[in-house]
Amino acid sequence: MKRPTPSPSAPRTPPLVRLEIWAQPGAARDEVTWDPWRRRWHVAVRAAPREGEANRAILELVTARLRLPPTSVRWVRAGSNRSKTLEVTGLTEAEVQDRLGTSNPRGLK
């Protein structure tokens, strides 16, 4: 049985990537690095952890590093916990890893 081929006019679903983050508010500088011990992205921001300031700074920093519009990055889990999750629309996992600064974070030990 043949598989149906999608029509050229059918809308394509954009890629979706979830980023697991370990937040460090109140840091000396803003930066995004891969943390092989926690196996997630470490995002340090100068903003203080009060009234959502650090969460806003993290979202702005990651969005800027990914070179995406703010509508393409959203919180899945944030709150006051340092363990957070962002969802990125429009880039593949490889593109996200490349733009954040490493070509293969899953393979790092």
Protein backbone atom coordinates (compact mmCIF):
# COMPACT_ATOMS: atom_id res chain seq x y z
CA MET A 1 0.00 0.00 0.00
CA LYS A 2 1.37 3.38 -0.99
CA ARG A 3 1.71 6.16 1.52
CA PRO A 4 -0.16 9.32 0.62
CA THR A 5 2.17 12.16 -0.27
CA PRO A 6 1.42 15.49 1.34
CA SER A 7 0.13 18.12 -0.99
CA PRO A 8 2.45 21.06 -1.63
CA SER A 9 -0.14 23.40 -0.16
CA ALA A 10 -0.44 21.48 3.12
CA PRO A 11 0.87 23.56 6.03
CA ARG A 12 4.10 22.27 7.54
CA THR A 13 4.47 22.03 11.27
CA PRO A 14 7.48 24.07 12.41
CA PRO A 15 10.12 22.24 14.43
CA LEU A 16 9.68 22.32 18.21
CA VAL A 17 12.52 21.97 20.73
CA ARG A 18 12.36 21.91 24.52
CA LEU A 19 15.27 23.39 26.42
CA GLU A 20 15.93 22.20 29.95
CA ILE A 21 17.53 25.08 31.86
CA TRP A 22 19.33 25.54 35.17
CA ALA A 23 18.95 29.21 36.11
CA GLN A 24 21.48 31.32 37.98
CA PRO A 25 19.98 34.72 38.80
CA GLY A 26 22.17 37.46 40.28
CA ALA A 27 25.24 36.35 38.30
CA ALA A 28 28.20 38.59 37.47
CA ARG A 29 27.37 38.43 33.73
CA ASP A 30 24.72 37.13 31.35
CA GLU A 31 25.72 33.89 29.62
CA VAL A 32 24.42 30.57 28.28
CA THR A 33 26.58 27.45 28.61
CA TRP A 34 26.06 23.69 28.46
CA ASP A 35 26.23 22.01 31.90
CA PRO A 36 27.36 18.39 31.34
CA TRP A 37 26.85 17.50 35.01
CA ARG A 38 23.17 18.51 35.04
CA ARG A 39 22.79 17.67 31.33
CA ARG A 40 20.97 20.92 30.65
CA TRP A 41 21.66 24.50 29.64
CA HIS A 42 23.03 26.76 32.38
CA VAL A 43 21.68 30.29 31.97
CA ALA A 44 23.23 32.97 34.16
CA VAL A 45 21.66 36.43 34.29
CA ARG A 46 22.47 39.57 36.27
CA ALA A 47 18.81 40.15 37.09
CA ALA A 48 17.68 39.50 40.64
CA PRO A 49 15.32 36.61 41.41
CA ARG A 50 12.38 38.79 42.41
CA GLU A 51 9.02 39.48 40.84
CA GLY A 52 9.91 37.56 37.66
CA GLU A 53 12.88 39.78 36.76
CA ALA A 54 15.28 36.85 36.34
CA ASN A 55 12.77 34.83 34.30
CA ARG A 56 12.25 37.78 31.95
CA ALA A 57 16.02 38.23 31.61
CA ILE A 58 16.50 34.51 30.86
CA LEU A 59 13.80 34.59 28.19
CA GLU A 60 15.31 37.72 26.59
CA LEU A 61 18.86 36.30 26.66
CA VAL A 62 17.90 32.93 25.15
CA THR A 63 15.71 34.60 22.51
CA ALA A 64 18.56 36.93 21.54
CA ARG A 65 21.12 34.09 21.37
CA LEU A 66 18.75 32.05 19.18
CA ARG A 67 18.09 35.09 16.96
CA LEU A 68 14.35 34.49 17.07
CA PRO A 69 11.35 36.77 17.62
CA PRO A 70 9.97 36.68 21.20
CA THR A 71 6.87 34.84 19.99
CA SER A 72 9.00 31.80 19.07
CA VAL A 73 10.22 31.11 22.62
CA ARG A 74 7.86 30.44 25.51
CA TRP A 75 7.95 29.10 29.05
CA VAL A 76 6.73 25.58 29.70
CA ARG A 77 7.89 25.62 33.32
CA ALA A 78 9.36 28.61 35.16
CA GLY A 79 8.32 29.83 38.61
CA SER A 80 10.82 30.29 41.44
CA ASN A 81 12.60 26.97 40.98
CA ARG A 82 16.04 27.09 39.32
CA SER A 83 15.09 24.16 37.07
CA LYS A 84 13.10 25.55 34.13
CA THR A 85 11.91 24.55 30.67
CA LEU A 86 11.58 26.66 27.52
CA GLU A 87 9.93 25.66 24.25
CA VAL A 88 11.44 26.93 20.99
CA THR A 89 9.46 26.96 17.74
CA GLY A 90 11.01 27.31 14.30
CA LEU A 91 14.45 25.77 14.82
CA THR A 92 15.66 22.18 14.89
CA GLU A 93 17.57 20.86 17.90
CA ALA A 94 20.83 21.07 15.94
CA GLU A 95 20.18 24.73 15.08
CA VAL A 96 19.38 25.53 18.71
CA GLN A 97 22.56 23.82 19.91
CA ASP A 98 24.64 25.62 17.29
CA ARG A 99 23.22 29.05 18.14
CA LEU A 100 23.60 28.52 21.89
CA GLY A 101 27.21 27.56 21.47
CA THR A 102 27.78 23.85 21.14
CA SER A 103 27.25 21.41 18.31
CA ASN A 104 26.39 18.35 20.39
CA PRO A 105 25.57 18.95 24.06
CA ARG A 106 23.86 15.60 24.48
CA GLY A 107 27.15 13.86 23.70
CA LEU A 108 29.20 15.86 26.21
CA LYS A 109 30.25 14.06 29.38
